[in-house]
Amino acid sequence: MNKFVIVLLLVSSPVFPLAFFDDVPPEELAAAIINEMSDEQALAQVIMLGWRGRGAEPSALILDWIRTRNIGGVKVFGWNTDNTTQLAQSIGQMQQASLRGRYNIPLLVATDQEGGWVRHVRGRTSETPGNMAIGASGFPRDAYLAGYYIGRELALLGINMNFAPTVDIFNNRDSFLIGPRSFGDNPVSAGLLGAAFMRGQMAAGIIPTAKHYPGHGDTALDSHGVLPVIDIDFETLWERELVPYRILSAEGIPAVMSGHLAFPRIKTTAGVLSVDAPASLSRWFMHDVLREQIGFNGLVITDDLMMYGALTWTGSLARAAKQALEAGNDIILSSTTLGLFDPAWTYLLNSMQEEPDFRIRVRDAARRTLELKLRHLRSDESVPFVPDLQKVEAGVPDREGSEFFLNLAARSVTIVKPEPGAGADSDVFPVTRENAGRVLLTGQYLEFFRIGRAAFPGATSYWYSELFDINELLSYASRADTIIYCLSNTEGVRILQRLQRLGKKIIVLSVLSPVHLERVPWVDGALAVYSYSTESFSAGFSAITGRIPAKGTLPFKL
């Protein structure tokens, strides 16, 4: 009897029931388990849900989904994460419930920990300079280590999947949803840095997920609230937005997240039908382009189907979920914990029982999901299912990571004004206690003031909020010789323009996207850092005062 027959007998005999940790190759075991599963069990594997409990505690409803349905995954959102230790305990509790299921299948535990300002797991985790800082430094090694250290913290918490890297191209300067989440406006650089970030996460045991396919960078709209329409042809899409996905697919990215974005100018291969639907719900985008043309073989996960970018097209979560699966998505994500007999569940299950083609599609999606888990969650290097709380206390934040992120922030600081090569740098920088005179620090972030006062002892500080009195700020500014201004948004531009008439020396420290500097070309000096992390503010003031050189390069054209 050959080895193949023996394996089949072992995995199909009632004496040896199938289980996740059987010593069988992933593709064979996934196919065998899915073949044995009921429709309900297969459908559950393609569902990923968020939850709301007391703090990070799992709700009774999410535990019901895990215990009675054995769903494929859970998503950690920002509202779950203020208490780091409690989050780790909750993840362990949910994984233990999942592992007691019929096939001992663990959960995919996912989050959005991109770096920079998208940091869903808060608590004690590291605040980092973010993708645009990596683009400004230009070193793939920085992308690798950012992914690695972010991943190392997530792994200690029991989170095994990260919806990162974000490889959207920063084409639309009004795209503040993307902004500093992007590596920049060069598609090849975004792909290469994304691939390095991916490798770093995988080295930490994390399953990376590239997003937002096919590309969210060329719109000022937010798919959480509307369906953005991107008016480009397919040639532009292929040579720009899709370049990172072509690179990442060749590099073996395990997963891709589909975005709720419409591209009405793009025709299908038949040349007849306009692609007016969200790409996430379009089989042409998800199968013909992603699978057939790009050659991606991994898992596809929807962005949150509770977003209006999906719901406004379909009218209901049930229809959005079905269209997403028919299009070629393998996991449907909802930020809301559905009821056990929510219309979406019953509609999908009834559709499986009444439509043979849909049943085949769902079971194939479940097979892909299970195969991904088998490949990434069974080795000695995999993320632990039950976190060690002592290791969480000792390892979050990651001490090595903190040192790295400070160095990354320093490498990424960029002088935007005077322009590089203008020959006037010495007239503006460094700004010292001796040449600055009376200094006014003004902005919105407390860390800006804390670090700014350390750099300029005796400086006056003015924190402005939504209800501040502009005349009071002008009064403070009139008594200063140098104003160091923290700029992060369009409202900050409006306030800064009021200061221009005072004729003071104005130095801008831009945080997040430096695109706002286009509207204030008259300032004396401007430096860009790319997040509001402590490390970024420290690097920014160190460059302003001349303690470190500003060697970053702006990763897009102003």
Protein backbone atom coordinates (compact mmCIF):
# COMPACT_ATOMS: atom_id res chain seq x y z
CA MET A 1 0.00 0.00 0.00
CA ASN A 2 1.56 3.33 -1.02
CA LYS A 3 2.03 6.32 1.31
CA PHE A 4 -0.73 8.35 -0.34
CA VAL A 5 -3.34 5.68 0.35
CA ILE A 6 -2.14 5.38 3.94
CA VAL A 7 -2.53 9.14 4.44
CA LEU A 8 -6.04 9.06 3.00
CA LEU A 9 -7.01 6.22 5.30
CA LEU A 10 -5.60 8.04 8.32
CA VAL A 11 -7.39 11.30 7.64
CA SER A 12 -10.74 9.73 6.69
CA SER A 13 -11.08 6.90 9.20
CA PRO A 14 -13.45 7.47 12.17
CA VAL A 15 -10.68 6.10 14.40
CA PHE A 16 -8.47 9.03 13.37
CA PRO A 17 -10.80 12.07 13.06
CA LEU A 18 -9.45 14.97 11.06
CA ALA A 19 -7.92 17.82 13.04
CA PHE A 20 -5.96 21.01 12.37
CA PHE A 21 -2.70 19.73 13.87
CA ASP A 22 -2.57 16.45 11.93
CA ASP A 23 0.84 15.95 10.35
CA VAL A 24 -0.44 16.27 6.80
CA PRO A 25 0.64 18.87 4.17
CA PRO A 26 -1.53 22.03 4.28
CA GLU A 27 -3.13 21.69 0.86
CA GLU A 28 -4.07 18.05 1.45
CA LEU A 29 -5.38 18.56 4.98
CA ALA A 30 -7.33 21.70 4.05
CA ALA A 31 -9.04 19.89 1.19
CA ALA A 32 -9.85 16.87 3.36
CA ILE A 33 -11.31 18.93 6.21
CA ILE A 34 -13.39 21.13 3.92
CA ASN A 35 -14.67 18.06 2.10
CA GLU A 36 -15.91 16.70 5.42
CA MET A 37 -17.39 19.98 6.70
CA SER A 38 -21.07 20.81 6.56
CA ASP A 39 -22.15 23.94 4.69
CA GLU A 40 -22.58 25.75 8.01
CA GLN A 41 -19.06 24.88 9.09
CA ALA A 42 -17.56 25.95 5.76
CA LEU A 43 -19.51 29.22 5.70
CA ALA A 44 -18.37 30.05 9.24
CA GLN A 45 -14.72 29.81 8.20
CA VAL A 46 -15.11 32.69 5.73
CA ILE A 47 -16.50 35.10 8.35
CA MET A 48 -14.40 37.55 10.40
CA LEU A 49 -16.12 39.72 13.00
CA GLY A 50 -15.25 42.59 15.28
CA TRP A 51 -16.63 42.73 18.80
CA ARG A 52 -17.50 45.17 21.54
CA GLY A 53 -17.24 44.12 25.16
CA ARG A 54 -16.24 45.81 28.41
CA GLY A 55 -12.89 47.18 27.36
CA ALA A 56 -11.05 44.39 25.61
CA GLU A 57 -13.22 41.59 27.02
CA PRO A 58 -14.93 39.45 24.40
CA SER A 59 -18.68 39.91 24.29
CA ALA A 60 -21.03 37.00 24.92
CA LEU A 61 -22.13 37.23 21.28
CA ILE A 62 -18.64 36.92 19.78
CA LEU A 63 -18.00 33.93 22.06
CA ASP A 64 -21.24 32.38 20.79
CA TRP A 65 -20.02 32.77 17.21
CA ILE A 66 -16.72 31.12 18.11
CA ARG A 67 -18.15 28.28 20.20
CA THR A 68 -21.22 27.37 18.18
CA ARG A 69 -20.12 28.29 14.67
CA ASN A 70 -16.29 28.18 14.86
CA ILE A 71 -15.93 31.31 12.70
CA GLY A 72 -12.74 31.89 10.78
CA GLY A 73 -11.50 35.00 12.52
CA VAL A 74 -11.94 38.06 14.71
CA LYS A 75 -10.76 41.61 14.10
CA VAL A 76 -9.26 43.78 16.85
CA PHE A 77 -10.41 47.39 16.52
CA GLY A 78 -9.20 50.42 18.44
CA TRP A 79 -12.10 50.29 20.90
CA ASN A 80 -10.76 46.95 22.20
CA THR A 81 -7.19 47.91 22.98
CA ASP A 82 -6.59 50.45 25.74
CA ASN A 83 -5.70 47.72 28.25
CA THR A 84 -2.87 45.72 26.68
CA THR A 85 -2.86 42.88 29.22
CA GLN A 86 -6.63 42.49 29.11
CA LEU A 87 -6.51 42.34 25.31
CA ALA A 88 -3.94 39.52 25.44
CA GLN A 89 -6.11 37.64 27.95
CA SER A 90 -9.18 38.07 25.75
CA ILE A 91 -7.39 36.80 22.66
CA GLY A 92 -6.24 33.73 24.60
CA GLN A 93 -9.81 33.13 25.80
CA MET A 94 -11.20 33.33 22.27
CA GLN A 95 -8.50 31.09 20.83
CA GLN A 96 -9.08 28.46 23.51
CA ALA A 97 -12.79 28.47 22.64
CA SER A 98 -11.98 28.10 18.96
CA LEU A 99 -9.48 25.29 19.50
CA ARG A 100 -12.16 23.26 21.29
CA GLY A 101 -14.18 23.17 18.06
CA ARG A 102 -14.71 19.99 16.03
CA TYR A 103 -11.53 20.36 13.98
CA ASN A 104 -9.43 22.29 16.54
CA ILE A 105 -9.10 25.18 14.07
CA PRO A 106 -7.64 28.39 15.54
CA LEU A 107 -8.86 31.88 14.74
CA LEU A 108 -7.23 34.38 12.49
CA VAL A 109 -6.82 37.30 14.90
CA ALA A 110 -6.33 40.42 12.79
CA THR A 111 -5.87 44.15 13.31
CA ASP A 112 -4.73 47.34 11.57
CA GLN A 113 -1.28 48.18 12.94
CA GLU A 114 0.18 49.96 9.95
CA GLY A 115 2.56 52.21 11.81
CA GLY A 116 2.09 55.96 12.07
CA TRP A 117 -1.37 57.22 12.95
CA VAL A 118 -3.24 54.02 12.03
CA ARG A 119 -2.60 52.07 15.21
CA HIS A 120 -5.65 50.09 16.23
CA VAL A 121 -3.82 48.26 19.00
CA ARG A 122 -3.08 51.10 21.38
CA GLY A 123 -2.36 50.59 25.07
CA ARG A 124 1.37 50.13 25.56
CA THR A 125 2.27 49.38 21.94
CA SER A 126 4.82 51.54 20.12
CA GLU A 127 3.82 54.73 18.33
CA THR A 128 5.91 54.72 15.18
CA PRO A 129 6.95 57.19 12.44
CA GLY A 130 4.83 55.41 9.79
CA ASN A 131 5.05 54.59 6.10
CA MET A 132 5.72 58.06 4.74
CA ALA A 133 8.70 58.32 7.08
CA ILE A 134 9.97 55.04 5.61
CA GLY A 135 9.46 56.51 2.14
CA ALA A 136 11.43 59.61 3.18
CA SER A 137 14.32 57.54 4.52
CA GLY A 138 14.23 55.41 1.38
CA PHE A 139 15.83 52.32 2.95
CA PRO A 140 14.12 48.94 2.46
CA ARG A 141 15.85 47.86 5.68
CA ASP A 142 13.79 50.47 7.54
CA ALA A 143 10.60 48.99 6.06
CA TYR A 144 11.71 45.48 7.05
CA LEU A 145 12.50 46.43 10.63
CA ALA A 146 9.33 48.51 11.02
CA GLY A 147 7.29 45.48 9.99
CA TYR A 148 9.38 43.25 12.23
CA TYR A 149 9.12 45.30 15.43
CA ILE A 150 5.44 46.09 14.93
CA GLY A 151 4.91 42.38 14.30
CA ARG A 152 6.88 41.34 17.35
CA GLU A 153 4.57 43.33 19.62
CA LEU A 154 1.47 41.95 17.94
CA ALA A 155 2.75 38.39 18.24
CA LEU A 156 3.19 38.71 22.01
CA LEU A 157 -0.48 39.73 22.22
CA GLY A 158 -1.62 36.72 20.22
CA ILE A 159 -2.49 38.72 17.08
CA ASN A 160 -1.43 36.64 14.09
CA MET A 161 -2.57 38.76 11.12
CA ASN A 162 -1.98 42.42 10.31
CA PHE A 163 -3.80 44.43 7.67
CA ALA A 164 -0.57 46.02 6.48
CA PRO A 165 1.41 47.10 4.50
CA THR A 166 -0.66 49.89 3.01
CA VAL A 167 0.63 50.26 -0.54
CA ASP A 168 -1.75 52.94 -1.82
CA ILE A 169 0.01 55.48 -4.03
CA PHE A 170 -0.18 59.08 -2.83
CA ASN A 171 -1.47 60.58 -6.09
CA ASN A 172 -4.31 62.79 -4.87
CA ARG A 173 -2.90 65.47 -2.57
CA ASP A 174 -6.32 65.90 -0.95
CA SER A 175 -6.37 62.22 0.01
CA PHE A 176 -5.99 62.84 3.71
CA LEU A 177 -7.44 59.40 4.48
CA ILE A 178 -4.27 57.91 2.98
CA GLY A 179 -1.71 60.73 3.32
CA PRO A 180 1.13 59.56 5.60
CA ARG A 181 -0.13 55.97 5.44
CA SER A 182 1.42 55.84 1.95
CA PHE A 183 5.10 55.23 1.21
CA GLY A 184 4.87 58.03 -1.38
CA ASP A 185 3.94 58.61 -5.00
CA ASN A 186 6.41 56.21 -6.67
CA PRO A 187 4.68 52.88 -7.40
CA VAL A 188 7.89 50.85 -7.64
CA SER A 189 9.22 52.24 -4.36
CA ALA A 190 5.87 51.53 -2.70
CA GLY A 191 6.03 47.94 -3.95
CA LEU A 192 9.62 47.37 -2.85
CA LEU A 193 9.15 48.98 0.56
CA GLY A 194 5.87 47.09 0.97
CA ALA A 195 7.64 43.82 0.17
CA ALA A 196 10.33 44.58 2.77
CA PHE A 197 7.67 45.44 5.37
CA MET A 198 5.94 42.17 4.50
CA ARG A 199 9.15 40.19 5.07
CA GLY A 200 9.69 41.85 8.43
CA GLN A 201 6.21 40.94 9.61
CA MET A 202 6.60 37.35 8.46
CA ALA A 203 9.90 37.11 10.32
CA ALA A 204 7.94 38.02 13.46
CA GLY A 205 5.34 35.33 12.72
CA ILE A 206 2.65 37.70 11.45
CA ILE A 207 0.55 37.14 8.32
CA PRO A 208 0.77 40.41 6.33
CA THR A 209 -2.08 41.75 4.20
CA ALA A 210 -1.54 44.33 1.45
CA LYS A 211 -4.24 46.99 1.02
CA HIS A 212 -6.39 48.63 -0.34
CA TYR A 213 -6.61 46.75 -3.64
CA PRO A 214 -6.79 48.06 -6.35
CA GLY A 215 -5.68 51.38 -4.82
CA HIS A 216 -7.18 54.09 -2.59
CA GLY A 217 -4.63 56.85 -3.20
CA ASP A 218 -6.24 58.78 -6.06
CA THR A 219 -9.36 60.02 -4.29
CA ALA A 220 -10.05 62.59 -1.61
CA LEU A 221 -13.10 60.61 -0.45
CA ASP A 222 -13.31 58.08 2.37
CA SER A 223 -14.92 54.72 1.57
CA HIS A 224 -16.13 54.53 5.17
CA GLY A 225 -18.75 57.14 4.28
CA VAL A 226 -19.23 57.01 0.49
CA LEU A 227 -18.25 54.98 -2.55
CA PRO A 228 -15.23 56.86 -3.98
CA VAL A 229 -15.12 57.08 -7.78
CA ILE A 230 -11.64 57.08 -9.32
CA ASP A 231 -11.64 58.38 -12.88
CA ILE A 232 -8.68 56.61 -14.51
CA ASP A 233 -8.32 54.10 -17.33
CA PHE A 234 -6.95 50.60 -16.97
CA GLU A 235 -3.54 51.42 -18.44
CA THR A 236 -3.02 54.05 -15.74
CA LEU A 237 -4.24 51.65 -13.06
CA TRP A 238 -1.94 48.86 -14.29
CA GLU A 239 1.16 51.06 -14.46
CA ARG A 240 0.50 52.91 -11.21
CA GLU A 241 -1.89 51.55 -8.54
CA LEU A 242 -1.38 47.90 -9.40
CA VAL A 243 2.44 47.97 -9.53
CA PRO A 244 2.83 47.28 -5.77
CA TYR A 245 0.42 44.33 -6.01
CA ARG A 246 2.32 42.94 -8.98
CA ILE A 247 5.54 43.15 -6.98
CA LEU A 248 4.03 41.78 -3.77
CA SER A 249 2.32 38.92 -5.55
CA ALA A 250 5.63 37.88 -7.07
CA GLU A 251 7.18 38.11 -3.60
CA GLY A 252 4.56 35.81 -2.10
CA ILE A 253 2.31 38.13 -0.08
CA PRO A 254 -0.10 35.77 1.74
CA ALA A 255 -3.16 38.04 1.73
CA VAL A 256 -4.69 41.11 0.07
CA MET A 257 -7.53 43.34 1.30
CA SER A 258 -10.05 44.53 -1.28
CA GLY A 259 -11.20 48.16 -1.19
CA HIS A 260 -14.65 49.64 -1.76
CA LEU A 261 -13.69 51.81 -4.73
CA ALA A 262 -15.32 52.37 -8.14
CA PHE A 263 -13.46 52.77 -11.46
CA PRO A 264 -16.20 53.59 -13.99
CA ARG A 265 -13.87 54.34 -16.92
CA ILE A 266 -12.38 50.88 -16.86
CA LYS A 267 -13.96 48.31 -19.16
CA THR A 268 -13.97 44.58 -18.63
CA THR A 269 -12.00 42.34 -20.95
CA ALA A 270 -15.18 41.92 -23.02
CA GLY A 271 -15.06 45.66 -23.64
CA VAL A 272 -18.76 46.05 -22.91
CA LEU A 273 -19.51 46.45 -19.20
CA SER A 274 -18.36 49.49 -17.22
CA VAL A 275 -17.01 48.64 -13.80
CA ASP A 276 -19.36 50.82 -11.77
CA ALA A 277 -19.55 48.48 -8.78
CA PRO A 278 -17.05 48.67 -5.93
CA ALA A 279 -13.93 46.76 -6.96
CA SER A 280 -14.37 44.66 -3.83
CA LEU A 281 -17.65 43.32 -5.28
CA SER A 282 -16.46 43.00 -8.88
CA ARG A 283 -15.46 39.55 -10.14
CA TRP A 284 -13.56 41.19 -12.96
CA PHE A 285 -11.34 43.06 -10.48
CA MET A 286 -11.06 40.26 -7.94
CA HIS A 287 -10.68 37.30 -10.28
CA ASP A 288 -9.80 38.39 -13.81
CA VAL A 289 -7.27 41.06 -12.81
CA LEU A 290 -5.99 39.98 -9.39
CA ARG A 291 -5.97 36.21 -9.92
CA GLU A 292 -5.54 35.84 -13.69
CA GLN A 293 -3.48 38.86 -14.79
CA ILE A 294 -1.45 39.57 -11.65
CA GLY A 295 -1.23 35.89 -10.66
CA PHE A 296 -2.05 36.32 -6.96
CA ASN A 297 -2.67 32.95 -5.26
CA GLY A 298 -3.23 33.98 -1.65
CA LEU A 299 -6.23 34.94 0.46
CA VAL A 300 -8.48 37.92 -0.31
CA ILE A 301 -10.26 39.69 2.56
CA THR A 302 -12.84 42.43 2.17
CA ASP A 303 -12.48 45.75 3.87
CA ASP A 304 -15.23 46.20 6.45
CA LEU A 305 -18.54 45.46 4.74
CA MET A 306 -20.28 47.80 7.18
CA MET A 307 -18.65 50.71 5.34
CA TYR A 308 -20.97 52.76 3.17
CA GLY A 309 -18.70 52.22 0.19
CA ALA A 310 -20.10 48.67 0.09
CA LEU A 311 -23.58 49.12 1.61
CA THR A 312 -24.67 52.00 -0.62
CA TRP A 313 -24.12 49.82 -3.69
CA THR A 314 -25.91 46.71 -2.46
CA GLY A 315 -28.44 48.10 0.00
CA SER A 316 -27.82 45.46 2.65
CA LEU A 317 -25.03 43.60 4.37
CA ALA A 318 -26.48 40.27 3.21
CA ARG A 319 -26.27 41.21 -0.47
CA ALA A 320 -22.84 42.83 0.00
CA ALA A 321 -21.53 39.65 1.62
CA LYS A 322 -22.85 37.41 -1.13
CA GLN A 323 -21.53 39.64 -3.92
CA ALA A 324 -18.14 39.82 -2.20
CA LEU A 325 -17.85 36.04 -2.09
CA GLU A 326 -19.11 35.64 -5.66
CA ALA A 327 -16.55 38.24 -6.79
CA GLY A 328 -13.71 36.17 -5.35
CA ASN A 329 -13.15 37.40 -1.80
CA ASP A 330 -12.35 34.56 0.60
CA ILE A 331 -13.16 36.25 3.93
CA ILE A 332 -15.94 38.75 4.55
CA LEU A 333 -15.21 41.22 7.34
CA SER A 334 -17.76 43.01 9.52
CA SER A 335 -16.77 45.43 12.28
CA THR A 336 -20.11 44.70 13.94
CA THR A 337 -20.82 41.39 15.67
CA LEU A 338 -23.87 40.05 13.85
CA GLY A 339 -26.61 38.11 15.54
CA LEU A 340 -26.22 34.34 15.22
CA PHE A 341 -29.22 34.27 12.91
CA ASP A 342 -28.62 37.61 11.26
CA PRO A 343 -30.20 37.89 7.78
CA ALA A 344 -26.70 37.90 6.28
CA TRP A 345 -25.97 34.46 7.77
CA THR A 346 -29.30 32.90 6.80
CA TYR A 347 -29.19 34.46 3.31
CA LEU A 348 -25.71 33.12 2.63
CA LEU A 349 -26.53 29.67 3.98
CA ASN A 350 -29.77 29.46 1.99
CA SER A 351 -27.91 30.58 -1.12
CA MET A 352 -25.37 27.79 -0.61
CA GLN A 353 -28.15 25.23 -0.39
CA GLU A 354 -30.06 26.57 -3.39
CA GLU A 355 -27.24 27.61 -5.75
CA PRO A 356 -24.62 24.92 -6.50
CA ASP A 357 -22.12 27.40 -7.99
CA PHE A 358 -22.28 29.63 -4.91
CA ARG A 359 -21.86 26.60 -2.63
CA ILE A 360 -18.70 25.64 -4.54
CA ARG A 361 -17.37 29.22 -4.27
CA VAL A 362 -17.91 29.42 -0.50
CA ARG A 363 -16.33 26.03 0.11
CA ASP A 364 -13.35 27.03 -2.04
CA ALA A 365 -13.00 30.24 0.00
CA ALA A 366 -13.11 28.18 3.20
CA ARG A 367 -10.41 25.90 1.80
CA ARG A 368 -8.16 28.89 1.03
CA THR A 369 -8.75 30.26 4.53
CA LEU A 370 -7.93 26.96 6.18
CA GLU A 371 -4.86 26.42 4.03
CA LEU A 372 -3.52 29.85 5.00
CA LYS A 373 -3.97 28.96 8.67
CA LEU A 374 -2.28 25.60 8.21
CA ARG A 375 0.71 27.24 6.53
CA HIS A 376 1.20 29.98 9.11
CA LEU A 377 -0.22 28.86 12.47
CA ARG A 378 1.25 25.39 13.07
CA SER A 379 5.01 25.92 13.36
CA ASP A 380 7.13 26.49 16.44
CA GLU A 381 7.67 30.10 15.25
CA SER A 382 3.94 30.80 14.96
CA VAL A 383 2.16 33.35 17.13
CA PRO A 384 1.08 31.69 20.42
CA PHE A 385 -2.63 31.03 20.72
CA VAL A 386 -2.60 31.84 24.43
CA PRO A 387 -0.31 34.80 25.15
CA ASP A 388 2.20 34.64 27.99
CA LEU A 389 1.21 37.64 30.11
CA GLN A 390 4.66 37.95 31.68
CA LYS A 391 6.15 38.26 28.19
CA VAL A 392 3.52 40.83 27.33
CA GLU A 393 4.48 42.91 30.36
CA ALA A 394 8.17 42.65 29.54
CA GLY A 395 8.00 42.99 25.76
CA VAL A 396 5.39 45.66 25.02
CA PRO A 397 6.58 48.19 24.06
CA ASP A 398 9.51 46.51 22.35
CA ARG A 399 12.72 48.08 23.70
CA GLU A 400 14.79 47.31 20.62
CA GLY A 401 11.92 48.60 18.52
CA SER A 402 11.82 51.89 20.41
CA GLU A 403 15.48 52.50 19.61
CA PHE A 404 14.93 51.61 15.97
CA PHE A 405 11.89 53.86 15.59
CA LEU A 406 13.82 56.80 17.02
CA ASN A 407 16.59 56.19 14.46
CA LEU A 408 14.01 55.86 11.67
CA ALA A 409 12.43 59.15 12.68
CA ALA A 410 15.86 60.81 12.63
CA ARG A 411 16.69 59.39 9.17
CA SER A 412 13.39 60.58 7.75
CA VAL A 413 13.37 64.25 8.88
CA THR A 414 13.12 66.33 5.71
CA ILE A 415 13.95 70.00 5.13
CA VAL A 416 11.23 71.31 2.82
CA LYS A 417 11.99 75.03 3.08
CA PRO A 418 14.52 76.34 2.11
CA GLU A 419 14.48 73.89 -0.77
CA PRO A 420 17.48 71.54 -0.89
CA GLY A 421 20.32 73.09 -2.85
CA ALA A 422 18.96 76.62 -2.48
CA GLY A 423 22.12 77.59 -0.64
CA ALA A 424 20.29 79.43 2.09
CA ASP A 425 20.07 76.70 4.72
CA SER A 426 22.57 78.45 6.95
CA ASP A 427 20.30 81.52 7.07
CA VAL A 428 17.49 79.48 8.70
CA PHE A 429 18.87 76.34 10.30
CA PRO A 430 19.97 75.59 12.89
CA VAL A 431 17.63 77.57 15.10
CA THR A 432 19.44 78.00 18.41
CA ARG A 433 18.66 79.63 21.73
CA GLU A 434 21.08 82.39 20.77
CA ASN A 435 19.71 83.29 17.33
CA ALA A 436 16.03 82.56 18.01
CA GLY A 437 15.44 85.27 20.59
CA ARG A 438 12.05 84.95 22.27
CA VAL A 439 10.42 81.72 21.09
CA LEU A 440 6.72 80.91 20.89
CA LEU A 441 5.74 77.25 20.49
CA THR A 442 2.22 76.76 19.14
CA GLY A 443 0.32 73.71 17.99
CA GLN A 444 -2.10 70.98 19.05
CA TYR A 445 0.02 68.10 20.35
CA LEU A 446 1.23 67.88 23.94
CA GLU A 447 4.40 66.03 22.93
CA PHE A 448 5.28 68.94 20.63
CA PHE A 449 5.32 71.26 23.66
CA ARG A 450 7.09 68.83 25.98
CA ILE A 451 9.96 68.22 23.58
CA GLY A 452 9.95 71.79 22.26
CA ARG A 453 10.42 73.25 25.75
CA ALA A 454 13.35 70.90 26.33
CA ALA A 455 14.96 72.21 23.15
CA PHE A 456 14.11 75.86 23.93
CA PRO A 457 13.94 76.35 27.72
CA GLY A 458 12.01 79.47 28.59
CA ALA A 459 9.93 79.37 25.40
CA THR A 460 6.31 80.48 25.66
CA SER A 461 3.71 77.85 24.74
CA TYR A 462 0.27 78.37 23.24
CA TRP A 463 -1.94 75.31 22.71
CA TYR A 464 -4.86 75.96 20.41
CA SER A 465 -8.04 73.92 20.18
CA GLU A 466 -11.31 74.20 18.28
CA LEU A 467 -12.62 76.95 20.57
CA PHE A 468 -9.46 79.01 21.00
CA ASP A 469 -9.33 82.81 20.62
CA ILE A 470 -7.24 83.76 17.57
CA ASN A 471 -6.68 87.24 18.98
CA GLU A 472 -5.13 85.73 22.09
CA LEU A 473 -2.72 83.73 19.92
CA LEU A 474 -1.87 86.85 17.90
CA SER A 475 -1.12 88.68 21.14
CA TYR A 476 1.32 85.99 22.25
CA ALA A 477 2.88 85.83 18.77
CA SER A 478 3.38 89.61 18.62
CA ARG A 479 5.73 89.38 21.62
CA ALA A 480 7.89 86.62 20.10
CA ASP A 481 10.88 86.85 17.80
CA THR A 482 10.61 83.29 16.45
CA ILE A 483 7.46 81.20 16.15
CA ILE A 484 7.85 77.44 15.91
CA TYR A 485 4.55 76.17 14.57
CA CYS A 486 3.28 72.59 14.48
CA LEU A 487 1.24 72.08 11.29
CA SER A 488 -0.89 69.00 10.68
CA ASN A 489 -4.14 69.94 8.90
CA THR A 490 -6.05 72.52 6.86
CA GLU A 491 -7.31 74.33 9.95
CA GLY A 492 -3.67 74.73 10.99
CA VAL A 493 -2.97 76.37 7.62
CA ARG A 494 -5.73 78.92 8.22
CA ILE A 495 -4.32 79.83 11.63
CA LEU A 496 -0.78 80.01 10.29
CA GLN A 497 -1.87 82.41 7.55
CA ARG A 498 -3.14 84.80 10.24
CA LEU A 499 0.36 84.87 11.74
CA GLN A 500 2.00 85.91 8.45
CA ARG A 501 1.08 89.57 8.82
CA LEU A 502 3.08 89.86 12.05
CA GLY A 503 6.39 89.70 10.18
CA LYS A 504 7.94 87.26 12.64
CA LYS A 505 10.42 84.52 11.85
CA ILE A 506 8.27 81.40 11.42
CA ILE A 507 9.60 77.86 11.47
CA VAL A 508 7.10 75.10 10.67
CA LEU A 509 7.39 71.56 11.97
CA SER A 510 5.03 69.61 9.74
CA VAL A 511 3.64 66.35 11.09
CA LEU A 512 1.67 63.69 9.17
CA SER A 513 1.50 64.65 5.47
CA PRO A 514 3.57 67.72 4.55
CA VAL A 515 1.20 68.51 1.68
CA HIS A 516 -0.15 71.47 3.68
CA LEU A 517 3.18 73.23 3.23
CA GLU A 518 2.15 73.96 -0.37
CA ARG A 519 -0.20 76.63 0.97
CA VAL A 520 2.37 78.47 3.09
CA PRO A 521 5.41 78.97 0.81
CA TRP A 522 6.23 82.22 2.60
CA VAL A 523 7.39 80.66 5.88
CA ASP A 524 11.08 81.08 6.71
CA GLY A 525 11.77 77.42 7.28
CA ALA A 526 9.90 74.12 7.26
CA LEU A 527 10.81 70.58 8.25
CA ALA A 528 8.68 67.50 7.81
CA VAL A 529 8.26 64.58 10.15
CA TYR A 530 5.53 62.10 9.36
CA SER A 531 3.76 61.21 12.59
CA TYR A 532 2.97 62.64 16.01
CA SER A 533 4.98 59.98 17.85
CA THR A 534 7.44 61.02 20.54
CA GLU A 535 10.27 59.82 18.32
CA SER A 536 9.13 62.03 15.44
CA PHE A 537 8.91 65.15 17.57
CA SER A 538 12.32 64.38 19.12
CA ALA A 539 13.86 63.97 15.68
CA GLY A 540 12.19 67.12 14.39
CA PHE A 541 13.45 69.38 17.16
CA SER A 542 16.89 67.77 16.99
CA ALA A 543 17.05 68.73 13.31
CA ILE A 544 15.72 72.23 13.96
CA THR A 545 18.43 72.88 16.56
CA GLY A 546 21.19 71.28 14.47
CA ARG A 547 21.83 68.29 16.74
CA ILE A 548 21.24 65.93 13.79
CA PRO A 549 21.28 66.51 10.02
CA ALA A 550 17.95 66.34 8.17
CA LYS A 551 18.69 63.79 5.44
CA GLY A 552 15.20 62.64 4.52
CA THR A 553 13.85 63.11 1.01
CA LEU A 554 10.26 64.15 0.46
CA PRO A 555 8.58 61.00 -0.93
CA PHE A 556 6.27 62.92 -3.26
CA LYS A 557 6.45 66.13 -5.26
CA LEU A 558 5.08 69.35 -3.79
